[in-house]
C-alpha atoms as a PDB file:
ATOM      1  CA  MET A   1      46.269  -8.651  16.018  1.00  0.00           C
ATOM      2  CA  SER A   2      43.486 -10.219  18.356  1.00  0.00           C
ATOM      3  CA  SER A   3      44.525  -7.434  20.856  1.00  0.00           C
ATOM      4  CA  GLN A   4      43.814  -4.984  17.480  1.00  0.00           C
ATOM      5  CA  ALA A   5      40.069  -7.386  17.181  1.00  0.00           C
ATOM      6  CA  GLY A   6      39.597  -6.575  20.626  1.00  0.00           C
ATOM      7  CA  LEU A   7      40.078  -3.192  20.222  1.00  0.00           C
ATOM      8  CA  ASP A   8      37.504  -2.942  17.865  1.00  0.00           C
ATOM      9  CA  TRP A   9      35.455  -4.796  19.310  1.00  0.00           C
ATOM     10  CA  ARG A  10      34.788  -2.425  22.327  1.00  0.00           C
ATOM     11  CA  ILE A  11      34.890   0.315  19.861  1.00  0.00           C
ATOM     12  CA  ASP A  12      31.940  -1.454  18.230  1.00  0.00           C
ATOM     13  CA  PHE A  13      30.353  -2.233  21.699  1.00  0.00           C
ATOM     14  CA  LYS A  14      30.516   1.944  23.128  1.00  0.00           C
ATOM     15  CA  SER A  15      29.659   3.151  19.464  1.00  0.00           C
ATOM     16  CA  LEU A  16      26.568   0.813  19.934  1.00  0.00           C
ATOM     17  CA  GLY A  17      26.178   1.926  23.373  1.00  0.00           C
ATOM     18  CA  GLN A  18      25.811   5.503  22.280  1.00  0.00           C
ATOM     19  CA  THR A  19      22.950   4.431  19.570  1.00  0.00           C
ATOM     20  CA  ILE A  20      20.576   2.729  21.595  1.00  0.00           C
ATOM     21  CA  VAL A  21      21.065   3.481  25.416  1.00  0.00           C
ATOM     22  CA  PRO A  22      19.849   7.117  25.407  1.00  0.00           C
ATOM     23  CA  PRO A  23      16.771   6.070  23.585  1.00  0.00           C
ATOM     24  CA  LEU A  24      15.569   3.419  25.539  1.00  0.00           C
ATOM     25  CA  LEU A  25      16.074   5.035  28.667  1.00  0.00           C
ATOM     26  CA  GLY A  26      14.108   8.366  27.631  1.00  0.00           C
ATOM     27  CA  LEU A  27      11.354   5.863  26.458  1.00  0.00           C
ATOM     28  CA  ILE A  28      11.770   4.427  29.841  1.00  0.00           C
ATOM     29  CA  LEU A  29      11.261   7.478  31.666  1.00  0.00           C
ATOM     30  CA  LEU A  30       8.270   7.860  29.343  1.00  0.00           C
ATOM     31  CA  VAL A  31       6.540   4.819  30.668  1.00  0.00           C
ATOM     32  CA  GLY A  32       7.133   5.539  33.990  1.00  0.00           C
ATOM     33  CA  VAL A  33       5.988   9.267  34.133  1.00  0.00           C
ATOM     34  CA  TRP A  34       3.306   8.540  31.892  1.00  0.00           C
ATOM     35  CA  SER A  35       2.341   5.326  34.925  1.00  0.00           C
ATOM     36  CA  ALA A  36       2.579   8.038  37.751  1.00  0.00           C
ATOM     37  CA  ILE A  37       0.092  10.302  36.005  1.00  0.00           C
ATOM     38  CA  SER A  38      -1.621   7.532  35.474  1.00  0.00           C
ATOM     39  CA  ALA A  39      -1.676   6.285  39.268  1.00  0.00           C
ATOM     40  CA  ALA A  40      -2.229  10.537  39.960  1.00  0.00           C
ATOM     41  CA  THR A  41      -5.645  10.133  37.999  1.00  0.00           C
ATOM     42  CA  ALA A  42      -7.378   7.318  39.706  1.00  0.00           C
ATOM     43  CA  GLY A  43      -7.432   5.479  35.644  1.00  0.00           C
ATOM     44  CA  SER A  44      -8.642   8.970  34.032  1.00  0.00           C
ATOM     45  CA  ILE A  45      -5.469   7.677  32.125  1.00  0.00           C
ATOM     46  CA  PRO A  46      -5.139   3.996  30.660  1.00  0.00           C
ATOM     47  CA  THR A  47      -2.332   2.907  31.715  1.00  0.00           C
ATOM     48  CA  PRO A  48       0.560   2.333  29.336  1.00  0.00           C
ATOM     49  CA  LEU A  49       0.098  -1.565  29.222  1.00  0.00           C
ATOM     50  CA  ASP A  50      -3.569  -1.267  28.606  1.00  0.00           C
ATOM     51  CA  THR A  51      -2.862   1.494  25.906  1.00  0.00           C
ATOM     52  CA  PHE A  52      -1.059  -1.321  24.166  1.00  0.00           C
ATOM     53  CA  GLN A  53      -3.456  -4.050  24.745  1.00  0.00           C
ATOM     54  CA  GLN A  54      -5.673  -1.507  23.201  1.00  0.00           C
ATOM     55  CA  ALA A  55      -2.936  -1.029  20.714  1.00  0.00           C
ATOM     56  CA  VAL A  56      -2.476  -4.893  19.979  1.00  0.00           C
ATOM     57  CA  SER A  57      -6.412  -5.021  19.367  1.00  0.00           C
ATOM     58  CA  ILE A  58      -6.436  -2.285  17.040  1.00  0.00           C
ATOM     59  CA  PHE A  59      -3.857  -3.416  14.526  1.00  0.00           C
ATOM     60  CA  SER A  60      -5.063  -6.734  14.187  1.00  0.00           C
ATOM     61  CA  ASP A  61      -8.060  -5.453  11.884  1.00  0.00           C
ATOM     62  CA  PRO A  62      -6.950  -1.702  10.670  1.00  0.00           C
ATOM     63  CA  PHE A  63      -8.584  -1.626   7.577  1.00  0.00           C
ATOM     64  CA  TYR A  64     -11.708  -3.220   8.371  1.00  0.00           C
ATOM     65  CA  ARG A  65     -15.102  -1.173   7.388  1.00  0.00           C
ATOM     66  CA  LYS A  66     -18.549  -1.051   9.484  1.00  0.00           C
ATOM     67  CA  GLY A  67     -20.064   1.812   7.477  1.00  0.00           C
ATOM     68  CA  PRO A  68     -18.641   5.616   6.742  1.00  0.00           C
ATOM     69  CA  ASN A  69     -17.965   6.544  10.124  1.00  0.00           C
ATOM     70  CA  ASP A  70     -16.669   3.513  11.480  1.00  0.00           C
ATOM     71  CA  GLN A  71     -14.003   2.523  10.167  1.00  0.00           C
ATOM     72  CA  GLY A  72     -10.244   1.238  10.415  1.00  0.00           C
ATOM     73  CA  VAL A  73      -7.779   2.976  11.766  1.00  0.00           C
ATOM     74  CA  GLY A  74      -5.274   2.367   8.462  1.00  0.00           C
ATOM     75  CA  TRP A  75      -8.061   4.145   6.268  1.00  0.00           C
ATOM     76  CA  ASN A  76      -8.196   7.483   8.750  1.00  0.00           C
ATOM     77  CA  ILE A  77      -4.737   7.206   8.327  1.00  0.00           C
ATOM     78  CA  LEU A  78      -4.397   6.395   3.966  1.00  0.00           C
ATOM     79  CA  MET A  79      -7.097   9.372   3.648  1.00  0.00           C
ATOM     80  CA  SER A  80      -5.379  12.226   5.576  1.00  0.00           C
ATOM     81  CA  LEU A  81      -2.435  11.175   3.712  1.00  0.00           C
ATOM     82  CA  GLU A  82      -4.035  11.334   0.175  1.00  0.00           C
ATOM     83  CA  ARG A  83      -5.229  14.447   1.552  1.00  0.00           C
ATOM     84  CA  VAL A  84      -1.345  15.939   2.088  1.00  0.00           C
ATOM     85  CA  ALA A  85      -0.186  14.514  -0.856  1.00  0.00           C
ATOM     86  CA  VAL A  86      -2.788  16.313  -3.051  1.00  0.00           C
ATOM     87  CA  GLY A  87      -2.215  19.723  -1.234  1.00  0.00           C
ATOM     88  CA  PHE A  88       1.205  19.662  -0.824  1.00  0.00           C
ATOM     89  CA  GLY A  89       1.378  18.370  -5.008  1.00  0.00           C
ATOM     90  CA  LEU A  90      -0.331  21.071  -5.765  1.00  0.00           C
ATOM     91  CA  ALA A  91       1.567  23.274  -3.749  1.00  0.00           C
ATOM     92  CA  ALA A  92       4.636  21.906  -4.896  1.00  0.00           C
ATOM     93  CA  LEU A  93       3.429  23.306  -8.776  1.00  0.00           C
ATOM     94  CA  VAL A  94       2.562  26.457  -7.794  1.00  0.00           C
ATOM     95  CA  GLY A  95       5.352  27.179  -5.341  1.00  0.00           C
ATOM     96  CA  ILE A  96       8.226  25.957  -6.459  1.00  0.00           C
ATOM     97  CA  PRO A  97       7.672  28.002 -10.037  1.00  0.00           C
ATOM     98  CA  ALA A  98       6.424  30.655  -8.129  1.00  0.00           C
ATOM     99  CA  GLY A  99      10.202  31.208  -6.035  1.00  0.00           C
ATOM    100  CA  PHE A 100      11.749  30.519  -8.598  1.00  0.00           C
ATOM    101  CA  ALA A 101      10.782  33.714 -10.618  1.00  0.00           C
ATOM    102  CA  ILE A 102      10.282  35.765  -6.736  1.00  0.00           C
ATOM    103  CA  GLY A 103      14.128  34.978  -7.019  1.00  0.00           C
ATOM    104  CA  ARG A 104      14.563  35.628 -10.428  1.00  0.00           C
ATOM    105  CA  PHE A 105      13.515  38.981 -10.823  1.00  0.00           C
ATOM    106  CA  GLU A 106      13.412  41.848  -8.342  1.00  0.00           C
ATOM    107  CA  PHE A 107      10.434  43.243  -9.459  1.00  0.00           C
ATOM    108  CA  LEU A 108       8.206  39.961  -8.969  1.00  0.00           C
ATOM    109  CA  SER A 109      10.544  39.850  -5.363  1.00  0.00           C
ATOM    110  CA  ARG A 110       9.369  43.409  -4.320  1.00  0.00           C
ATOM    111  CA  MET A 111       5.893  43.217  -5.853  1.00  0.00           C
ATOM    112  CA  PHE A 112       5.220  39.577  -3.632  1.00  0.00           C
ATOM    113  CA  ASN A 113       7.425  40.016  -1.158  1.00  0.00           C
ATOM    114  CA  PRO A 114       5.175  42.029   1.178  1.00  0.00           C
ATOM    115  CA  LEU A 115       2.226  40.069   0.833  1.00  0.00           C
ATOM    116  CA  ILE A 116       4.452  37.179   2.037  1.00  0.00           C
ATOM    117  CA  SER A 117       4.776  38.450   5.044  1.00  0.00           C
ATOM    118  CA  LEU A 118       1.209  39.311   5.243  1.00  0.00           C
ATOM    119  CA  LEU A 119       0.085  35.979   4.546  1.00  0.00           C
ATOM    120  CA  ARG A 120       2.834  33.514   6.237  1.00  0.00           C
ATOM    121  CA  PRO A 121       2.127  33.842   9.688  1.00  0.00           C
ATOM    122  CA  VAL A 122      -1.518  33.861   9.573  1.00  0.00           C
ATOM    123  CA  SER A 123      -2.667  30.654  10.904  1.00  0.00           C
ATOM    124  CA  PRO A 124      -3.328  28.272   8.612  1.00  0.00           C
ATOM    125  CA  LEU A 125      -6.536  26.362  10.615  1.00  0.00           C
ATOM    126  CA  ALA A 126      -7.701  30.305   9.482  1.00  0.00           C
ATOM    127  CA  TRP A 127      -8.375  29.961   5.774  1.00  0.00           C
ATOM    128  CA  LEU A 128     -10.236  26.722   6.768  1.00  0.00           C
ATOM    129  CA  PRO A 129     -13.486  28.572   6.903  1.00  0.00           C
ATOM    130  CA  ILE A 130     -12.699  30.131   3.522  1.00  0.00           C
ATOM    131  CA  GLY A 131     -12.298  26.747   2.097  1.00  0.00           C
ATOM    132  CA  LEU A 132     -15.587  25.546   2.871  1.00  0.00           C
ATOM    133  CA  LEU A 133     -17.094  28.570   1.544  1.00  0.00           C
ATOM    134  CA  VAL A 134     -16.112  28.357  -1.872  1.00  0.00           C
ATOM    135  CA  PHE A 135     -15.715  24.744  -1.851  1.00  0.00           C
ATOM    136  CA  LYS A 136     -18.931  23.739  -0.184  1.00  0.00           C
ATOM    137  CA  GLY A 137     -17.408  20.811   0.486  1.00  0.00           C
ATOM    138  CA  ALA A 138     -15.147  19.533   3.961  1.00  0.00           C
ATOM    139  CA  ASN A 139     -12.731  17.553   2.252  1.00  0.00           C
ATOM    140  CA  PRO A 140     -11.707  20.109  -0.354  1.00  0.00           C
ATOM    141  CA  ALA A 141     -11.743  22.624   2.541  1.00  0.00           C
ATOM    142  CA  ALA A 142      -8.825  20.168   4.267  1.00  0.00           C
ATOM    143  CA  ILE A 143      -6.841  19.931   0.683  1.00  0.00           C
ATOM    144  CA  TRP A 144      -6.902  23.929   0.615  1.00  0.00           C
ATOM    145  CA  THR A 145      -5.696  24.418   3.921  1.00  0.00           C
ATOM    146  CA  ILE A 146      -3.093  22.052   3.178  1.00  0.00           C
ATOM    147  CA  PHE A 147      -2.601  24.192   0.254  1.00  0.00           C
ATOM    148  CA  ILE A 148      -1.778  27.296   1.747  1.00  0.00           C
ATOM    149  CA  CYS A 149      -0.374  26.404   4.941  1.00  0.00           C
ATOM    150  CA  SER A 150       2.532  23.836   2.917  1.00  0.00           C
ATOM    151  CA  ILE A 151       3.361  26.579  -0.268  1.00  0.00           C
ATOM    152  CA  TRP A 152       5.142  29.086   2.151  1.00  0.00           C
ATOM    153  CA  PRO A 153       8.257  26.903   2.962  1.00  0.00           C
ATOM    154  CA  MET A 154       8.750  26.087  -0.913  1.00  0.00           C
ATOM    155  CA  ILE A 155       8.540  29.862  -1.755  1.00  0.00           C
ATOM    156  CA  ILE A 156      10.475  31.316   0.648  1.00  0.00           C
ATOM    157  CA  ASN A 157      13.127  28.490  -0.170  1.00  0.00           C
ATOM    158  CA  THR A 158      13.258  28.238  -3.293  1.00  0.00           C
ATOM    159  CA  ALA A 159      13.589  32.340  -3.615  1.00  0.00           C
ATOM    160  CA  VAL A 160      16.173  32.165  -1.180  1.00  0.00           C
ATOM    161  CA  GLY A 161      18.404  29.728  -2.874  1.00  0.00           C
ATOM    162  CA  VAL A 162      17.829  31.069  -6.459  1.00  0.00           C
ATOM    163  CA  GLN A 163      18.981  34.517  -4.801  1.00  0.00           C
ATOM    164  CA  ARG A 164      22.272  33.089  -3.229  1.00  0.00           C
ATOM    165  CA  VAL A 165      23.214  31.619  -6.291  1.00  0.00           C
ATOM    166  CA  PRO A 166      26.824  33.274  -7.147  1.00  0.00           C
ATOM    167  CA  GLN A 167      26.979  36.090  -9.270  1.00  0.00           C
ATOM    168  CA  ASP A 168      29.519  34.458 -11.650  1.00  0.00           C
ATOM    169  CA  TYR A 169      27.087  32.124 -12.912  1.00  0.00           C
ATOM    170  CA  MET A 170      24.940  33.984 -14.140  1.00  0.00           C
ATOM    171  CA  ASN A 171      27.448  36.535 -15.414  1.00  0.00           C
ATOM    172  CA  VAL A 172      29.113  33.412 -17.335  1.00  0.00           C
ATOM    173  CA  ALA A 173      25.584  32.668 -18.669  1.00  0.00           C
ATOM    174  CA  LYS A 174      24.863  36.263 -19.718  1.00  0.00           C
ATOM    175  CA  VAL A 175      28.268  36.101 -21.585  1.00  0.00           C
ATOM    176  CA  LEU A 176      27.974  33.084 -23.476  1.00  0.00           C
ATOM    177  CA  ASN A 177      23.667  33.834 -24.340  1.00  0.00           C
ATOM    178  CA  LEU A 178      22.465  31.228 -22.952  1.00  0.00           C
ATOM    179  CA  SER A 179      18.432  31.010 -23.155  1.00  0.00           C
ATOM    180  CA  GLU A 180      15.987  31.961 -20.142  1.00  0.00           C
ATOM    181  CA  TRP A 181      15.270  28.041 -19.861  1.00  0.00           C
ATOM    182  CA  LYS A 182      19.085  27.051 -20.359  1.00  0.00           C
ATOM    183  CA  ILE A 183      19.625  29.166 -16.718  1.00  0.00           C
ATOM    184  CA  VAL A 184      17.000  28.474 -15.096  1.00  0.00           C
ATOM    185  CA  THR A 185      17.797  24.067 -16.065  1.00  0.00           C
ATOM    186  CA  LYS A 186      21.649  24.275 -16.423  1.00  0.00           C
ATOM    187  CA  ILE A 187      22.212  27.423 -13.388  1.00  0.00           C
ATOM    188  CA  LEU A 188      19.108  27.711 -10.939  1.00  0.00           C
ATOM    189  CA  PHE A 189      17.782  24.271 -11.166  1.00  0.00           C
ATOM    190  CA  PRO A 190      21.222  22.440  -9.388  1.00  0.00           C
ATOM    191  CA  SER A 191      21.867  25.203  -7.711  1.00  0.00           C
ATOM    192  CA  VAL A 192      18.793  25.825  -5.767  1.00  0.00           C
ATOM    193  CA  LEU A 193      17.691  22.389  -5.330  1.00  0.00           C
ATOM    194  CA  PRO A 194      19.119  22.044  -1.477  1.00  0.00           C
ATOM    195  CA  TYR A 195      17.192  24.923  -0.655  1.00  0.00           C
ATOM    196  CA  MET A 196      14.249  23.380  -2.395  1.00  0.00           C
ATOM    197  CA  LEU A 197      14.293  19.800  -0.520  1.00  0.00           C
ATOM    198  CA  THR A 198      14.212  21.962   2.833  1.00  0.00           C
ATOM    199  CA  GLY A 199      11.685  24.022   1.716  1.00  0.00           C
ATOM    200  CA  VAL A 200       9.814  20.745   0.499  1.00  0.00           C
ATOM    201  CA  ARG A 201      10.499  18.775   3.976  1.00  0.00           C
ATOM    202  CA  LEU A 202       9.127  21.909   5.866  1.00  0.00           C
ATOM    203  CA  ALA A 203       6.355  22.011   4.291  1.00  0.00           C
ATOM    204  CA  VAL A 204       5.490  18.182   4.893  1.00  0.00           C
ATOM    205  CA  GLY A 205       5.849  18.726   8.094  1.00  0.00           C
ATOM    206  CA  THR A 206       3.690  21.691   8.257  1.00  0.00           C
ATOM    207  CA  ALA A 207       1.427  20.172   6.333  1.00  0.00           C
ATOM    208  CA  TRP A 208       0.546  16.844   8.352  1.00  0.00           C
ATOM    209  CA  LEU A 209      -0.131  18.976  11.634  1.00  0.00           C
ATOM    210  CA  VAL A 210      -2.635  21.098   9.971  1.00  0.00           C
ATOM    211  CA  ILE A 211      -4.240  17.859   8.654  1.00  0.00           C
ATOM    212  CA  VAL A 212      -5.006  16.546  11.652  1.00  0.00           C
ATOM    213  CA  ALA A 213      -6.269  19.974  13.464  1.00  0.00           C
ATOM    214  CA  ALA A 214      -8.302  20.144  10.204  1.00  0.00           C
ATOM    215  CA  GLU A 215     -10.280  17.125  10.016  1.00  0.00           C
ATOM    216  CA  MET A 216     -10.888  17.730  13.571  1.00  0.00           C
ATOM    217  CA  LEU A 217     -13.396  20.110  12.354  1.00  0.00           C
ATOM    218  CA  THR A 218     -14.396  18.635   8.873  1.00  0.00           C
ATOM    219  CA  GLY A 219     -15.299  15.535  10.115  1.00  0.00           C
ATOM    220  CA  GLY A 220     -15.601  12.576   7.191  1.00  0.00           C
ATOM    221  CA  VAL A 221     -12.821   9.800   7.463  1.00  0.00           C
ATOM    222  CA  GLY A 222      -9.474  10.784   8.550  1.00  0.00           C
ATOM    223  CA  ILE A 223      -6.785  10.669  11.758  1.00  0.00           C
ATOM    224  CA  GLY A 224      -7.816  13.398  13.010  1.00  0.00           C
ATOM    225  CA  PHE A 225     -11.301  13.202  13.030  1.00  0.00           C
ATOM    226  CA  TRP A 226     -10.817   9.299  14.984  1.00  0.00           C
ATOM    227  CA  VAL A 227      -9.142  11.394  17.296  1.00  0.00           C
ATOM    228  CA  TRP A 228     -12.526  13.943  17.284  1.00  0.00           C
ATOM    229  CA  ASP A 229     -14.963  10.596  17.572  1.00  0.00           C
ATOM    230  CA  GLU A 230     -12.630   9.296  20.203  1.00  0.00           C
ATOM    231  CA  TRP A 231     -13.569  11.818  22.196  1.00  0.00           C
ATOM    232  CA  ASN A 232     -17.136  11.789  21.570  1.00  0.00           C
ATOM    233  CA  ASN A 233     -17.385   7.863  22.847  1.00  0.00           C
ATOM    234  CA  LEU A 234     -14.682   9.499  25.814  1.00  0.00           C
ATOM    235  CA  ASN A 235     -12.302   6.475  24.312  1.00  0.00           C
ATOM    236  CA  VAL A 236      -8.857   7.815  25.525  1.00  0.00           C
ATOM    237  CA  LYS A 237      -7.061   4.833  25.025  1.00  0.00           C
ATOM    238  CA  ASN A 238      -8.011   5.371  21.475  1.00  0.00           C
ATOM    239  CA  ILE A 239      -6.978   8.923  22.096  1.00  0.00           C
ATOM    240  CA  ILE A 240      -3.519   8.137  23.408  1.00  0.00           C
ATOM    241  CA  ILE A 241      -3.341   5.037  20.273  1.00  0.00           C
ATOM    242  CA  ALA A 242      -3.710   8.446  17.692  1.00  0.00           C
ATOM    243  CA  ILE A 243      -1.283  10.345  19.293  1.00  0.00           C
ATOM    244  CA  PHE A 244       1.106   7.663  18.857  1.00  0.00           C
ATOM    245  CA  VAL A 245       0.166   7.480  15.465  1.00  0.00           C
ATOM    246  CA  ILE A 246      -0.155  10.442  14.298  1.00  0.00           C
ATOM    247  CA  GLY A 247       3.607  10.818  15.988  1.00  0.00           C
ATOM    248  CA  ILE A 248       5.241   7.973  13.843  1.00  0.00           C
ATOM    249  CA  VAL A 249       3.796   8.994  10.155  1.00  0.00           C
ATOM    250  CA  GLY A 250       4.847  11.970  11.081  1.00  0.00           C
ATOM    251  CA  LEU A 251       8.953  11.042  12.155  1.00  0.00           C
ATOM    252  CA  ILE A 252       8.454   8.730   9.168  1.00  0.00           C
ATOM    253  CA  LEU A 253       7.705  11.697   6.427  1.00  0.00           C
ATOM    254  CA  GLU A 254      10.561  13.758   7.937  1.00  0.00           C
ATOM    255  CA  TYR A 255      13.049  10.837   8.158  1.00  0.00           C
ATOM    256  CA  ALA A 256      12.221  10.177   4.874  1.00  0.00           C
ATOM    257  CA  LEU A 257      12.508  13.684   3.042  1.00  0.00           C
ATOM    258  CA  ILE A 258      15.902  14.297   5.273  1.00  0.00           C
ATOM    259  CA  LYS A 259      17.473  11.506   3.608  1.00  0.00           C
ATOM    260  CA  LEU A 260      16.235  12.900   0.424  1.00  0.00           C
ATOM    261  CA  ALA A 261      17.816  16.146   1.319  1.00  0.00           C
ATOM    262  CA  THR A 262      21.032  14.781   2.812  1.00  0.00           C
ATOM    263  CA  ALA A 263      22.073  13.240  -0.894  1.00  0.00           C
ATOM    264  CA  PHE A 264      22.318  16.814  -1.539  1.00  0.00           C
ATOM    265  CA  THR A 265      24.535  19.501   0.446  1.00  0.00           C
ATOM    266  CA  PHE A 266      22.528  21.854   1.287  1.00  0.00           C
ATOM    267  CA  GLU A 267      22.111  25.106   4.459  1.00  0.00           C
ATOM    268  CA  GLU A 268      19.120  25.577   6.423  1.00  0.00           C
ATOM    269  CA  VAL A 269      17.549  29.276   5.743  1.00  0.00           C
ATOM    270  CA  LYS A 270      13.853  30.315   6.747  1.00  0.00           C
ATOM    271  CA  SER A 271      11.356  28.669   6.572  1.00  0.00           C
END
């Protein structure tokens, strides 16, 4: 019994080491390379220690307000997340039903596939001037940019999911003379859900990437504007902190959606 307990302890210790050691070594490597670059640039790039101390100072009061263009990093993150949520939500309201329709009806698929193939490769920021022209404001233009970059993964993955529903299911629905509503809710939706969640995950990741660049161009409050403002002030420490903040928030969004998606059996499809 004691021998088995010792074996289990060694197995757990090995598993723990495999979980912790590789990320820890990666972090040490990052800090080492960062320190070497800082030394090579004679301090133009701040050291990890100086950046950490600055981060502690910034996050000691992340929600201060000293004016419309001087707000804590917390407000900037929340504003960026709000834009992403609105743009992404609108894209989901349009893209998911459109994906169902395109996947369900061959005529619509033939009609819209060329348009999607034409517009999907366009850089999302290329749509920003159109948004500024149409909406006459930086905030709705940024939301428009999020909308247009988020909609394609949801349309494509949802449509592919509908098209991959086994034909036997559709034959049974035809035999039972089910209405289109019941076909969608009872057959298509459960089968397509994993594909749809994959599209949602891809769309959220893309939206978070794009909002930073869009805010750099439009200004106002947001994490992208904060990065640009700190560059204008030549505050490299805050820029590096913003890079880590953007990465951490994106990682949290990605992890949350992966946990949601892994609750279902799904297959990766094209984005």
